[in-house]
Each structure stands twice: as structure tokens, then as C-alpha cells.
């Protein structure tokens, strides 16, 4: 049976997802920023920069879809895993235990 989360748990999940969204987006932006710096210094052609902008745009669309259409408990799990935010209480919950086994994670 699916466990219903409290209002505080749902708020905490949203905060975790916001942090994770920021991390994922910043990781995608970092290479683009470096290309902009190279372009600004005359070391990178503008036509290649526009191609990198286009590639980032496509990547950012995938990030948007991930966080707006494919969220749910799996995304919260992924966020906590990537941000190293699991608590002992999390591991006691059955759905996290199942995901932990699925992802072959050690304590």
C-alpha cells in the first residue's frame, strides 16, 4: 500500500528537487559558460558557440521534462542519492528499501 506523505514531507521533497534541479542545470550550463568565455576572448568562433547554445537548449528541454513530467518518487530518490541526502529514516521506508536494492546501493 502506498504511504501518504505529510505536508512537511512533501515540502521537503520539493526543496530537495529544487536543489537537484539547480545542480543538474548548473552542470549543464558550466560547459556553455566556458564556451562563452572562449568566444569573448576571441578563441572560439561565434558559429560554433551558437551550435553549443542550441545543444544546451536541447539538453535543458530534457531537464525540464525530467522535472516536470517524469517526477515522482523515483526522481526524489535520484535527487537524494545524487545530493547524498539519505537519512536512516529514509532507509526504513519500504519504498526506499526497494529502490536501494534495485540500485544496488550499500549502506
PDB file of N, CA and C in Angstrom:
ATOM      1  N   UNK A   1       0.835  -1.187   0.000  1.00  0.00           N
ATOM      2  CA  UNK A   1       0.000   0.000   0.000  1.00  0.00           C
ATOM      3  C   UNK A   1       0.879   1.249   0.000  1.00  0.00           C
ATOM      4  N   UNK A   2       0.486   2.211  -0.789  1.00  0.00           N
ATOM      5  CA  UNK A   2       1.278   3.429  -0.927  1.00  0.00           C
ATOM      6  C   UNK A   2       1.137   4.291   0.322  1.00  0.00           C
ATOM      7  N   UNK A   3       2.280   4.705   0.833  1.00  0.00           N
ATOM      8  CA  UNK A   3       2.323   5.528   2.031  1.00  0.00           C
ATOM      9  C   UNK A   3       2.108   6.991   1.654  1.00  0.00           C
ATOM     10  N   UNK A   4       1.137   7.636   2.305  1.00  0.00           N
ATOM     11  CA  UNK A   4       0.862   9.041   2.014  1.00  0.00           C
ATOM     12  C   UNK A   4       1.828   9.909   2.816  1.00  0.00           C
ATOM     13  N   UNK A   5       2.417  10.863   2.136  1.00  0.00           N
ATOM     14  CA  UNK A   5       3.385  11.743   2.786  1.00  0.00           C
ATOM     15  C   UNK A   5       2.674  12.903   3.466  1.00  0.00           C
ATOM     16  N   UNK A   6       3.273  13.349   4.551  1.00  0.00           N
ATOM     17  CA  UNK A   6       2.734  14.507   5.262  1.00  0.00           C
ATOM     18  C   UNK A   6       3.046  15.775   4.467  1.00  0.00           C
ATOM     19  N   UNK A   7       2.396  16.846   4.853  1.00  0.00           N
ATOM     20  CA  UNK A   7       2.631  18.132   4.197  1.00  0.00           C
ATOM     21  C   UNK A   7       4.106  18.529   4.329  1.00  0.00           C
ATOM     22  N   UNK A   8       4.674  18.301   5.495  1.00  0.00           N
ATOM     23  CA  UNK A   8       6.087  18.633   5.720  1.00  0.00           C
ATOM     24  C   UNK A   8       7.001  17.787   4.833  1.00  0.00           C
ATOM     25  N   UNK A   9       6.677  16.511   4.658  1.00  0.00           N
ATOM     26  CA  UNK A   9       7.484  15.643   3.788  1.00  0.00           C
ATOM     27  C   UNK A   9       7.382  16.088   2.333  1.00  0.00           C
ATOM     28  N   UNK A  10       6.188  16.447   1.908  1.00  0.00           N
ATOM     29  CA  UNK A  10       6.017  16.920   0.529  1.00  0.00           C
ATOM     30  C   UNK A  10       6.791  18.222   0.296  1.00  0.00           C
ATOM     31  N   UNK A  11       6.759  19.117   1.284  1.00  0.00           N
ATOM     32  CA  UNK A  11       7.503  20.372   1.185  1.00  0.00           C
ATOM     33  C   UNK A  11       9.003  20.075   1.112  1.00  0.00           C
ATOM     34  N   UNK A  12       9.473  19.161   1.951  1.00  0.00           N
ATOM     35  CA  UNK A  12      10.895  18.790   1.941  1.00  0.00           C
ATOM     36  C   UNK A  12      11.282  18.171   0.592  1.00  0.00           C
ATOM     37  N   UNK A  13      10.423  17.327   0.031  1.00  0.00           N
ATOM     38  CA  UNK A  13      10.694  16.747  -1.291  1.00  0.00           C
ATOM     39  C   UNK A  13      10.824  17.839  -2.349  1.00  0.00           C
ATOM     40  N   UNK A  14       9.938  18.838  -2.297  1.00  0.00           N
ATOM     41  CA  UNK A  14      10.017  19.946  -3.260  1.00  0.00           C
ATOM     42  C   UNK A  14      11.337  20.702  -3.109  1.00  0.00           C
ATOM     43  N   UNK A  15      11.752  20.921  -1.860  1.00  0.00           N
ATOM     44  CA  UNK A  15      13.018  21.615  -1.615  1.00  0.00           C
ATOM     45  C   UNK A  15      14.198  20.805  -2.151  1.00  0.00           C
ATOM     46  N   UNK A  16      14.162  19.495  -1.948  1.00  0.00           N
ATOM     47  CA  UNK A  16      15.222  18.618  -2.450  1.00  0.00           C
ATOM     48  C   UNK A  16      15.249  18.659  -3.969  1.00  0.00           C
ATOM     49  N   UNK A  17      14.075  18.594  -4.588  1.00  0.00           N
ATOM     50  CA  UNK A  17      14.014  18.632  -6.050  1.00  0.00           C
ATOM     51  C   UNK A  17      14.499  19.974  -6.596  1.00  0.00           C
ATOM     52  N   UNK A  18      14.217  21.058  -5.887  1.00  0.00           N
ATOM     53  CA  UNK A  18      14.723  22.368  -6.314  1.00  0.00           C
ATOM     54  C   UNK A  18      16.249  22.388  -6.281  1.00  0.00           C
ATOM     55  N   UNK A  19      16.831  21.846  -5.215  1.00  0.00           N
ATOM     56  CA  UNK A  19      18.293  21.775  -5.120  1.00  0.00           C
ATOM     57  C   UNK A  19      18.876  20.910  -6.232  1.00  0.00           C
ATOM     58  N   UNK A  20      18.225  19.792  -6.490  1.00  0.00           N
ATOM     59  CA  UNK A  20      18.712  18.880  -7.516  1.00  0.00           C
ATOM     60  C   UNK A  20      18.567  19.498  -8.909  1.00  0.00           C
ATOM     61  N   UNK A  21      17.457  20.168  -9.144  1.00  0.00           N
ATOM     62  CA  UNK A  21      17.249  20.846 -10.429  1.00  0.00           C
ATOM     63  C   UNK A  21      18.352  21.882 -10.655  1.00  0.00           C
ATOM     64  N   UNK A  22      18.651  22.647  -9.621  1.00  0.00           N
ATOM     65  CA  UNK A  22      19.717  23.649  -9.710  1.00  0.00           C
ATOM     66  C   UNK A  22      21.048  22.981 -10.035  1.00  0.00           C
ATOM     67  N   UNK A  23      21.362  21.893  -9.363  1.00  0.00           N
ATOM     68  CA  UNK A  23      22.622  21.173  -9.589  1.00  0.00           C
ATOM     69  C   UNK A  23      22.713  20.668 -11.025  1.00  0.00           C
ATOM     70  N   UNK A  24      21.671  20.002 -11.491  1.00  0.00           N
ATOM     71  CA  UNK A  24      21.668  19.434 -12.841  1.00  0.00           C
ATOM     72  C   UNK A  24      21.777  20.541 -13.890  1.00  0.00           C
ATOM     73  N   UNK A  25      21.040  21.616 -13.697  1.00  0.00           N
ATOM     74  CA  UNK A  25      21.061  22.720 -14.657  1.00  0.00           C
ATOM     75  C   UNK A  25      22.419  23.418 -14.667  1.00  0.00           C
ATOM     76  N   UNK A  26      22.974  23.657 -13.490  1.00  0.00           N
ATOM     77  CA  UNK A  26      24.285  24.307 -13.429  1.00  0.00           C
ATOM     78  C   UNK A  26      25.367  23.436 -14.059  1.00  0.00           C
ATOM     79  N   UNK A  27      25.277  22.129 -13.872  1.00  0.00           N
ATOM     80  CA  UNK A  27      26.245  21.225 -14.500  1.00  0.00           C
ATOM     81  C   UNK A  27      26.136  21.285 -16.024  1.00  0.00           C
ATOM     82  N   UNK A  28      24.939  21.463 -16.527  1.00  0.00           N
ATOM     83  CA  UNK A  28      24.743  21.581 -17.975  1.00  0.00           C
ATOM     84  C   UNK A  28      25.200  22.948 -18.486  1.00  0.00           C
ATOM     85  N   UNK A  29      25.052  23.979 -17.664  1.00  0.00           N
ATOM     86  CA  UNK A  29      25.437  25.332 -18.070  1.00  0.00           C
ATOM     87  C   UNK A  29      26.947  25.573 -18.036  1.00  0.00           C
ATOM     88  N   UNK A  30      27.638  24.886 -17.169  1.00  0.00           N
ATOM     89  CA  UNK A  30      29.069  25.149 -16.979  1.00  0.00           C
ATOM     90  C   UNK A  30      29.878  25.071 -18.274  1.00  0.00           C
ATOM     91  N   UNK A  31      29.740  24.008 -19.082  1.00  0.00           N
ATOM     92  CA  UNK A  31      30.498  23.979 -20.338  1.00  0.00           C
ATOM     93  C   UNK A  31      30.108  25.127 -21.281  1.00  0.00           C
ATOM     94  N   UNK A  32      28.833  25.470 -21.299  1.00  0.00           N
ATOM     95  CA  UNK A  32      28.384  26.572 -22.152  1.00  0.00           C
ATOM     96  C   UNK A  32      29.040  27.883 -21.715  1.00  0.00           C
ATOM     97  N   UNK A  33      29.113  28.080 -20.420  1.00  0.00           N
ATOM     98  CA  UNK A  33      29.766  29.276 -19.879  1.00  0.00           C
ATOM     99  C   UNK A  33      31.222  29.346 -20.337  1.00  0.00           C
ATOM    100  N   UNK A  34      31.899  28.208 -20.302  1.00  0.00           N
ATOM    101  CA  UNK A  34      33.297  28.171 -20.741  1.00  0.00           C
ATOM    102  C   UNK A  34      33.416  28.524 -22.226  1.00  0.00           C
ATOM    103  N   UNK A  35      32.474  28.035 -23.034  1.00  0.00           N
ATOM    104  CA  UNK A  35      32.481  28.403 -24.457  1.00  0.00           C
ATOM    105  C   UNK A  35      32.262  29.901 -24.639  1.00  0.00           C
ATOM    106  N   UNK A  36      31.375  30.489 -23.835  1.00  0.00           N
ATOM    107  CA  UNK A  36      31.147  31.933 -23.910  1.00  0.00           C
ATOM    108  C   UNK A  36      32.428  32.700 -23.566  1.00  0.00           C
ATOM    109  N   UNK A  37      33.126  32.253 -22.526  1.00  0.00           N
ATOM    110  CA  UNK A  37      34.374  32.919 -22.155  1.00  0.00           C
ATOM    111  C   UNK A  37      35.397  32.835 -23.285  1.00  0.00           C
ATOM    112  N   UNK A  38      35.510  31.656 -23.893  1.00  0.00           N
ATOM    113  CA  UNK A  38      36.448  31.490 -25.006  1.00  0.00           C
ATOM    114  C   UNK A  38      36.055  32.395 -26.176  1.00  0.00           C
ATOM    115  N   UNK A  39      34.763  32.450 -26.454  1.00  0.00           N
ATOM    116  CA  UNK A  39      34.271  33.306 -27.540  1.00  0.00           C
ATOM    117  C   UNK A  39      34.582  34.780 -27.240  1.00  0.00           C
ATOM    118  N   UNK A  40      34.320  35.194 -26.020  1.00  0.00           N
ATOM    119  CA  UNK A  40      34.545  36.588 -25.623  1.00  0.00           C
ATOM    120  C   UNK A  40      36.014  36.962 -25.770  1.00  0.00           C
ATOM    121  N   UNK A  41      36.907  35.997 -25.544  1.00  0.00           N
ATOM    122  CA  UNK A  41      38.346  36.240 -25.660  1.00  0.00           C
ATOM    123  C   UNK A  41      38.865  36.035 -27.081  1.00  0.00           C
ATOM    124  N   UNK A  42      37.956  35.775 -28.019  1.00  0.00           N
ATOM    125  CA  UNK A  42      38.343  35.615 -29.412  1.00  0.00           C
ATOM    126  C   UNK A  42      38.909  34.251 -29.764  1.00  0.00           C
ATOM    127  N   UNK A  43      38.770  33.287 -28.849  1.00  0.00           N
ATOM    128  CA  UNK A  43      39.356  31.965 -29.070  1.00  0.00           C
ATOM    129  C   UNK A  43      38.338  30.928 -29.531  1.00  0.00           C
ATOM    130  N   UNK A  44      37.100  31.358 -29.758  1.00  0.00           N
ATOM    131  CA  UNK A  44      36.060  30.408 -30.154  1.00  0.00           C
ATOM    132  C   UNK A  44      35.148  31.090 -31.169  1.00  0.00           C
ATOM    133  N   UNK A  45      34.923  30.483 -32.323  1.00  0.00           N
ATOM    134  CA  UNK A  45      34.102  31.118 -33.359  1.00  0.00           C
ATOM    135  C   UNK A  45      32.622  31.199 -32.968  1.00  0.00           C
ATOM    136  N   UNK A  46      32.000  32.287 -33.371  1.00  0.00           N
ATOM    137  CA  UNK A  46      30.601  32.516 -32.999  1.00  0.00           C
ATOM    138  C   UNK A  46      29.677  31.425 -33.524  1.00  0.00           C
ATOM    139  N   UNK A  47      29.954  30.888 -34.736  1.00  0.00           N
ATOM    140  CA  UNK A  47      29.058  29.870 -35.286  1.00  0.00           C
ATOM    141  C   UNK A  47      29.105  28.583 -34.466  1.00  0.00           C
ATOM    142  N   UNK A  48      30.261  28.261 -33.911  1.00  0.00           N
ATOM    143  CA  UNK A  48      30.342  27.089 -33.035  1.00  0.00           C
ATOM    144  C   UNK A  48      29.663  27.374 -31.697  1.00  0.00           C
ATOM    145  N   UNK A  49      29.790  28.614 -31.229  1.00  0.00           N
ATOM    146  CA  UNK A  49      29.108  28.989 -29.992  1.00  0.00           C
ATOM    147  C   UNK A  49      27.598  28.859 -30.154  1.00  0.00           C
ATOM    148  N   UNK A  50      27.062  29.322 -31.277  1.00  0.00           N
ATOM    149  CA  UNK A  50      25.612  29.205 -31.477  1.00  0.00           C
ATOM    150  C   UNK A  50      25.189  27.738 -31.524  1.00  0.00           C
ATOM    151  N   UNK A  51      26.044  26.874 -32.047  1.00  0.00           N
ATOM    152  CA  UNK A  51      25.745  25.437 -32.046  1.00  0.00           C
ATOM    153  C   UNK A  51      25.732  24.903 -30.616  1.00  0.00           C
ATOM    154  N   UNK A  52      26.668  25.352 -29.785  1.00  0.00           N
ATOM    155  CA  UNK A  52      26.701  24.919 -28.379  1.00  0.00           C
ATOM    156  C   UNK A  52      25.453  25.415 -27.635  1.00  0.00           C
ATOM    157  N   UNK A  53      25.009  26.628 -27.959  1.00  0.00           N
ATOM    158  CA  UNK A  53      23.782  27.166 -27.349  1.00  0.00           C
ATOM    159  C   UNK A  53      22.601  26.279 -27.728  1.00  0.00           C
ATOM    160  N   UNK A  54      22.525  25.904 -28.974  1.00  0.00           N
ATOM    161  CA  UNK A  54      21.447  25.029 -29.444  1.00  0.00           C
ATOM    162  C   UNK A  54      21.500  23.677 -28.724  1.00  0.00           C
ATOM    163  N   UNK A  55      22.691  23.109 -28.574  1.00  0.00           N
ATOM    164  CA  UNK A  55      22.835  21.829 -27.872  1.00  0.00           C
ATOM    165  C   UNK A  55      22.403  21.953 -26.417  1.00  0.00           C
ATOM    166  N   UNK A  56      22.793  23.072 -25.773  1.00  0.00           N
ATOM    167  CA  UNK A  56      22.364  23.278 -24.392  1.00  0.00           C
ATOM    168  C   UNK A  56      20.847  23.386 -24.319  1.00  0.00           C
ATOM    169  N   UNK A  57      20.255  24.090 -25.262  1.00  0.00           N
ATOM    170  CA  UNK A  57      18.803  24.254 -25.262  1.00  0.00           C
ATOM    171  C   UNK A  57      18.107  22.893 -25.308  1.00  0.00           C
ATOM    172  N   UNK A  58      18.593  22.001 -26.151  1.00  0.00           N
ATOM    173  CA  UNK A  58      18.006  20.654 -26.228  1.00  0.00           C
ATOM    174  C   UNK A  58      18.197  19.909 -24.907  1.00  0.00           C
ATOM    175  N   UNK A  59      19.385  20.017 -24.327  1.00  0.00           N
ATOM    176  CA  UNK A  59      19.648  19.362 -23.042  1.00  0.00           C
ATOM    177  C   UNK A  59      18.754  19.935 -21.948  1.00  0.00           C
ATOM    178  N   UNK A  60      18.579  21.242 -21.965  1.00  0.00           N
ATOM    179  CA  UNK A  60      17.737  21.884 -20.961  1.00  0.00           C
ATOM    180  C   UNK A  60      16.268  21.484 -21.114  1.00  0.00           C
ATOM    181  N   UNK A  61      15.824  21.250 -22.343  1.00  0.00           N
ATOM    182  CA  UNK A  61      14.463  20.755 -22.554  1.00  0.00           C
ATOM    183  C   UNK A  61      14.291  19.388 -21.898  1.00  0.00           C
ATOM    184  N   UNK A  62      15.305  18.539 -21.996  1.00  0.00           N
ATOM    185  CA  UNK A  62      15.244  17.219 -21.362  1.00  0.00           C
ATOM    186  C   UNK A  62      15.215  17.351 -19.844  1.00  0.00           C
ATOM    187  N   UNK A  63      15.983  18.279 -19.318  1.00  0.00           N
ATOM    188  CA  UNK A  63      15.964  18.536 -17.875  1.00  0.00           C
ATOM    189  C   UNK A  63      14.570  18.997 -17.463  1.00  0.00           C
ATOM    190  N   UNK A  64      13.993  19.900 -18.233  1.00  0.00           N
ATOM    191  CA  UNK A  64      12.646  20.399 -17.944  1.00  0.00           C
ATOM    192  C   UNK A  64      11.645  19.247 -17.910  1.00  0.00           C
ATOM    193  N   UNK A  65      11.698  18.389 -18.924  1.00  0.00           N
ATOM    194  CA  UNK A  65      10.766  17.254 -18.976  1.00  0.00           C
ATOM    195  C   UNK A  65      10.961  16.335 -17.777  1.00  0.00           C
ATOM    196  N   UNK A  66      12.203  16.086 -17.436  1.00  0.00           N
ATOM    197  CA  UNK A  66      12.505  15.197 -16.314  1.00  0.00           C
ATOM    198  C   UNK A  66      11.866  15.712 -15.026  1.00  0.00           C
ATOM    199  N   UNK A  67      11.966  17.004 -14.795  1.00  0.00           N
ATOM    200  CA  UNK A  67      11.479  17.564 -13.541  1.00  0.00           C
ATOM    201  C   UNK A  67      10.003  17.929 -13.570  1.00  0.00           C
ATOM    202  N   UNK A  68       9.414  18.068 -14.743  1.00  0.00           N
ATOM    203  CA  UNK A  68       8.019  18.485 -14.813  1.00  0.00           C
ATOM    204  C   UNK A  68       7.058  17.394 -15.257  1.00  0.00           C
ATOM    205  N   UNK A  69       7.559  16.361 -15.898  1.00  0.00           N
ATOM    206  CA  UNK A  69       6.673  15.309 -16.391  1.00  0.00           C
ATOM    207  C   UNK A  69       7.022  13.923 -15.874  1.00  0.00           C
ATOM    208  N   UNK A  70       8.249  13.724 -15.445  1.00  0.00           N
ATOM    209  CA  UNK A  70       8.685  12.385 -15.041  1.00  0.00           C
ATOM    210  C   UNK A  70       9.154  12.376 -13.592  1.00  0.00           C
ATOM    211  N   UNK A  71       8.556  13.194 -12.786  1.00  0.00           N
ATOM    212  CA  UNK A  71       8.987  13.325 -11.399  1.00  0.00           C
ATOM    213  C   UNK A  71       8.602  12.137 -10.551  1.00  0.00           C
ATOM    214  N   UNK A  72       7.990  12.402  -9.458  1.00  0.00           N
ATOM    215  CA  UNK A  72       7.549  11.343  -8.576  1.00  0.00           C
ATOM    216  C   UNK A  72       8.647  10.846  -7.659  1.00  0.00           C
ATOM    217  N   UNK A  73       8.340   9.737  -7.026  1.00  0.00           N
ATOM    218  CA  UNK A  73       9.225   9.190  -6.002  1.00  0.00           C
ATOM    219  C   UNK A  73      10.588   8.782  -6.555  1.00  0.00           C
ATOM    220  N   UNK A  74      10.622   8.300  -7.792  1.00  0.00           N
ATOM    221  CA  UNK A  74      11.907   7.915  -8.382  1.00  0.00           C
ATOM    222  C   UNK A  74      12.830   9.129  -8.512  1.00  0.00           C
ATOM    223  N   UNK A  75      12.283  10.273  -8.876  1.00  0.00           N
ATOM    224  CA  UNK A  75      13.106  11.472  -9.011  1.00  0.00           C
ATOM    225  C   UNK A  75      13.569  11.964  -7.640  1.00  0.00           C
ATOM    226  N   UNK A  76      12.715  11.872  -6.640  1.00  0.00           N
ATOM    227  CA  UNK A  76      13.117  12.245  -5.281  1.00  0.00           C
ATOM    228  C   UNK A  76      14.244  11.318  -4.826  1.00  0.00           C
ATOM    229  N   UNK A  77      14.101  10.023  -5.112  1.00  0.00           N
ATOM    230  CA  UNK A  77      15.143   9.059  -4.767  1.00  0.00           C
ATOM    231  C   UNK A  77      16.451   9.431  -5.463  1.00  0.00           C
ATOM    232  N   UNK A  78      16.378   9.684  -6.758  1.00  0.00           N
ATOM    233  CA  UNK A  78      17.577  10.051  -7.530  1.00  0.00           C
ATOM    234  C   UNK A  78      18.215  11.316  -6.962  1.00  0.00           C
ATOM    235  N   UNK A  79      17.380  12.305  -6.637  1.00  0.00           N
ATOM    236  CA  UNK A  79      17.887  13.564  -6.091  1.00  0.00           C
ATOM    237  C   UNK A  79      18.601  13.325  -4.767  1.00  0.00           C
ATOM    238  N   UNK A  80      17.969  12.582  -3.878  1.00  0.00           N
ATOM    239  CA  UNK A  80      18.595  12.309  -2.582  1.00  0.00           C
ATOM    240  C   UNK A  80      19.893  11.530  -2.756  1.00  0.00           C
ATOM    241  N   UNK A  81      19.893  10.600  -3.699  1.00  0.00           N
ATOM    242  CA  UNK A  81      21.097   9.808  -3.963  1.00  0.00           C
ATOM    243  C   UNK A  81      22.213  10.717  -4.470  1.00  0.00           C
ATOM    244  N   UNK A  82      21.929  11.536  -5.467  1.00  0.00           N
ATOM    245  CA  UNK A  82      22.948  12.400  -6.070  1.00  0.00           C
ATOM    246  C   UNK A  82      23.416  13.500  -5.119  1.00  0.00           C
ATOM    247  N   UNK A  83      22.531  13.955  -4.255  1.00  0.00           N
ATOM    248  CA  UNK A  83      22.877  15.008  -3.295  1.00  0.00           C
ATOM    249  C   UNK A  83      23.366  14.440  -1.964  1.00  0.00           C
ATOM    250  N   UNK A  84      23.437  13.106  -1.878  1.00  0.00           N
ATOM    251  CA  UNK A  84      23.872  12.402  -0.662  1.00  0.00           C
ATOM    252  C   UNK A  84      23.072  12.864   0.553  1.00  0.00           C
ATOM    253  N   UNK A  85      21.748  12.748   0.447  1.00  0.00           N
ATOM    254  CA  UNK A  85      20.850  13.259   1.480  1.00  0.00           C
ATOM    255  C   UNK A  85      20.013  12.177   2.162  1.00  0.00           C
ATOM    256  N   UNK A  86      20.378  10.920   2.032  1.00  0.00           N
ATOM    257  CA  UNK A  86      19.568   9.885   2.658  1.00  0.00           C
ATOM    258  C   UNK A  86      19.778   9.865   4.164  1.00  0.00           C
ATOM    259  N   UNK A  87      18.679   9.736   4.882  1.00  0.00           N
ATOM    260  CA  UNK A  87      18.731   9.608   6.337  1.00  0.00           C
ATOM    261  C   UNK A  87      18.420   8.158   6.701  1.00  0.00           C
ATOM    262  N   UNK A  88      18.701   7.790   7.941  1.00  0.00           N
ATOM    263  CA  UNK A  88      18.357   6.444   8.408  1.00  0.00           C
ATOM    264  C   UNK A  88      16.852   6.216   8.300  1.00  0.00           C
ATOM    265  N   UNK A  89      16.087   7.264   8.559  1.00  0.00           N
ATOM    266  CA  UNK A  89      14.627   7.167   8.466  1.00  0.00           C
ATOM    267  C   UNK A  89      14.191   6.844   7.037  1.00  0.00           C
ATOM    268  N   UNK A  90      14.875   7.429   6.054  1.00  0.00           N
ATOM    269  CA  UNK A  90      14.556   7.125   4.656  1.00  0.00           C
ATOM    270  C   UNK A  90      14.706   5.639   4.379  1.00  0.00           C
ATOM    271  N   UNK A  91      15.811   5.067   4.842  1.00  0.00           N
ATOM    272  CA  UNK A  91      16.084   3.656   4.539  1.00  0.00           C
ATOM    273  C   UNK A  91      15.085   2.722   5.210  1.00  0.00           C
ATOM    274  N   UNK A  92      14.435   3.179   6.268  1.00  0.00           N
ATOM    275  CA  UNK A  92      13.436   2.358   6.945  1.00  0.00           C
ATOM    276  C   UNK A  92      12.139   2.265   6.147  1.00  0.00           C
ATOM    277  N   UNK A  93      11.910   3.200   5.258  1.00  0.00           N
ATOM    278  CA  UNK A  93      10.681   3.196   4.466  1.00  0.00           C
ATOM    279  C   UNK A  93      10.775   2.127   3.392  1.00  0.00           C
ATOM    280  N   UNK A  94       9.719   1.377   3.243  1.00  0.00           N
ATOM    281  CA  UNK A  94       9.723   0.236   2.320  1.00  0.00           C
ATOM    282  C   UNK A  94      10.048   0.644   0.888  1.00  0.00           C
ATOM    283  N   UNK A  95       9.451   1.728   0.395  1.00  0.00           N
ATOM    284  CA  UNK A  95       9.696   2.103  -0.998  1.00  0.00           C
ATOM    285  C   UNK A  95      11.153   2.490  -1.230  1.00  0.00           C
ATOM    286  N   UNK A  96      11.804   3.087  -0.243  1.00  0.00           N
ATOM    287  CA  UNK A  96      13.222   3.401  -0.404  1.00  0.00           C
ATOM    288  C   UNK A  96      14.066   2.138  -0.324  1.00  0.00           C
ATOM    289  N   UNK A  97      13.656   1.221   0.531  1.00  0.00           N
ATOM    290  CA  UNK A  97      14.399  -0.038   0.619  1.00  0.00           C
ATOM    291  C   UNK A  97      14.369  -0.764  -0.722  1.00  0.00           C
ATOM    292  N   UNK A  98      13.210  -0.797  -1.358  1.00  0.00           N
ATOM    293  CA  UNK A  98      13.092  -1.447  -2.671  1.00  0.00           C
ATOM    294  C   UNK A  98      13.980  -0.765  -3.705  1.00  0.00           C
ATOM    295  N   UNK A  99      13.980   0.553  -3.712  1.00  0.00           N
ATOM    296  CA  UNK A  99      14.806   1.282  -4.669  1.00  0.00           C
ATOM    297  C   UNK A  99      16.289   1.088  -4.369  1.00  0.00           C
ATOM    298  N   UNK A 100      16.628   1.039  -3.094  1.00  0.00           N
ATOM    299  CA  UNK A 100      18.017   0.819  -2.701  1.00  0.00           C
ATOM    300  C   UNK A 100      18.508  -0.514  -3.250  1.00  0.00           C
ATOM    301  N   UNK A 101      17.689  -1.541  -3.121  1.00  0.00           N
ATOM    302  CA  UNK A 101      18.045  -2.859  -3.644  1.00  0.00           C
ATOM    303  C   UNK A 101      18.136  -2.801  -5.162  1.00  0.00           C
ATOM    304  N   UNK A 102      17.180  -2.151  -5.788  1.00  0.00           N
ATOM    305  CA  UNK A 102      17.166  -2.026  -7.243  1.00  0.00           C
ATOM    306  C   UNK A 102      18.435  -1.350  -7.764  1.00  0.00           C
ATOM    307  N   UNK A 103      18.880  -0.319  -7.061  1.00  0.00           N
ATOM    308  CA  UNK A 103      20.073   0.414  -7.482  1.00  0.00           C
ATOM    309  C   UNK A 103      21.354  -0.145  -6.871  1.00  0.00           C
ATOM    310  N   UNK A 104      21.238  -1.241  -6.121  1.00  0.00           N
ATOM    311  CA  UNK A 104      22.385  -1.931  -5.536  1.00  0.00           C
ATOM    312  C   UNK A 104      23.268  -0.958  -4.754  1.00  0.00           C
ATOM    313  N   UNK A 105      22.634  -0.242  -3.817  1.00  0.00           N
ATOM    314  CA  UNK A 105      23.367   0.737  -3.016  1.00  0.00           C
ATOM    315  C   UNK A 105      23.711   0.137  -1.668  1.00  0.00           C
ATOM    316  N   UNK A 106      24.914   0.412  -1.204  1.00  0.00           N
ATOM    317  CA  UNK A 106      25.348  -0.040   0.116  1.00  0.00           C
ATOM    318  C   UNK A 106      24.967   0.994   1.154  1.00  0.00           C
ATOM    319  N   UNK A 107      24.850   0.542   2.397  1.00  0.00           N
ATOM    320  CA  UNK A 107      24.566   1.479   3.498  1.00  0.00           C
ATOM    321  C   UNK A 107      25.743   2.368   3.768  1.00  0.00           C
TER     322      UNK A 107
END
